[in-house]
């Protein structure tokens, strides 16, 4: 009877060890995915900053053109 209990304990320990190995692999996979997403976010943030700069530049140019149009209306 004691041998059966020992075998059951051995099987449980093997199951726990297998689960731990699996979870470590999953953690590694998820950490790699997180690093990839963080890199992707950084690239997208840089693109967003560039687009914001372009938008500000276009806005300034449009404002100057509108000022020129306003000056033409005042000159009439």
Protein backbone atom coordinates (compact mmCIF):
# COMPACT_ATOMS: atom_id res chain seq x y z
CA UNK A 1 0.00 0.00 0.00
CA UNK A 2 2.85 2.39 0.80
CA UNK A 3 4.36 1.79 -2.64
CA UNK A 4 1.12 2.92 -4.27
CA UNK A 5 1.18 6.16 -2.26
CA UNK A 6 4.80 6.74 -3.23
CA UNK A 7 3.96 6.16 -6.92
CA UNK A 8 1.07 8.63 -6.68
CA UNK A 9 3.33 11.24 -5.08
CA UNK A 10 5.97 10.63 -7.74
CA UNK A 11 3.38 11.13 -10.51
CA UNK A 12 2.17 14.36 -8.93
CA UNK A 13 5.71 15.71 -8.64
CA UNK A 14 6.42 14.80 -12.27
CA UNK A 15 3.20 16.57 -13.27
CA UNK A 16 4.20 19.70 -11.33
CA UNK A 17 7.67 19.71 -12.88
CA UNK A 18 6.22 19.30 -16.37
CA UNK A 19 3.78 22.14 -15.73
CA UNK A 20 6.61 24.35 -14.47
CA UNK A 21 8.66 23.68 -17.62
CA UNK A 22 5.64 24.47 -19.79
CA UNK A 23 4.92 27.68 -17.88
CA UNK A 24 8.55 28.82 -18.16
CA UNK A 25 8.36 28.36 -21.93
CA UNK A 26 5.08 30.28 -22.03
CA UNK A 27 6.63 33.09 -20.00
CA UNK A 28 9.54 33.28 -22.45
CA UNK A 29 7.15 33.41 -25.40
CA UNK A 30 5.04 36.11 -23.76
CA UNK A 31 8.09 38.17 -22.77
CA UNK A 32 9.32 38.06 -26.38
CA UNK A 33 5.88 39.11 -27.62
CA UNK A 34 5.88 41.98 -25.12
CA UNK A 35 9.31 43.16 -26.31
CA UNK A 36 8.08 43.06 -29.91
CA UNK A 37 4.97 45.07 -29.04
CA UNK A 38 7.04 47.61 -27.09
CA UNK A 39 9.30 48.05 -30.12
CA UNK A 40 6.25 48.42 -32.35
CA UNK A 41 4.79 51.04 -30.00
CA UNK A 42 8.07 52.98 -30.05
CA UNK A 43 8.11 52.99 -33.86
CA UNK A 44 4.49 54.12 -33.99
CA UNK A 45 5.10 56.85 -31.42
CA UNK A 46 7.98 58.16 -33.53
CA UNK A 47 5.76 58.17 -36.61
CA UNK A 48 3.07 59.99 -34.64
CA UNK A 49 5.56 62.66 -33.55
CA UNK A 50 6.66 63.11 -37.16
CA UNK A 51 3.04 63.41 -38.32
CA UNK A 52 2.30 65.91 -35.56
CA UNK A 53 5.27 67.97 -36.75
CA UNK A 54 4.03 67.84 -40.33
CA UNK A 55 0.52 68.83 -39.21
CA UNK A 56 1.90 71.81 -37.30
CA UNK A 57 3.94 72.83 -40.33
CA UNK A 58 0.92 72.59 -42.64
CA UNK A 59 -1.20 74.51 -40.15
CA UNK A 60 1.38 77.31 -40.02
CA UNK A 61 1.51 77.49 -43.82
CA UNK A 62 -2.29 77.55 -44.10
CA UNK A 63 -2.47 80.27 -41.47
CA UNK A 64 0.06 82.36 -43.39
CA UNK A 65 -1.90 81.86 -46.61
CA UNK A 66 -5.10 82.88 -44.85
CA UNK A 67 -3.35 85.98 -43.56
CA UNK A 68 -2.27 86.80 -47.12
CA UNK A 69 -5.88 86.39 -48.29
CA UNK A 70 -7.06 88.61 -45.47
CA UNK A 71 -4.51 91.26 -46.47
CA UNK A 72 -5.79 91.11 -50.06
CA UNK A 73 -9.36 91.64 -48.83
CA UNK A 74 -8.25 94.61 -46.73
CA UNK A 75 -6.36 96.13 -49.66
CA UNK A 76 -9.54 96.26 -51.78
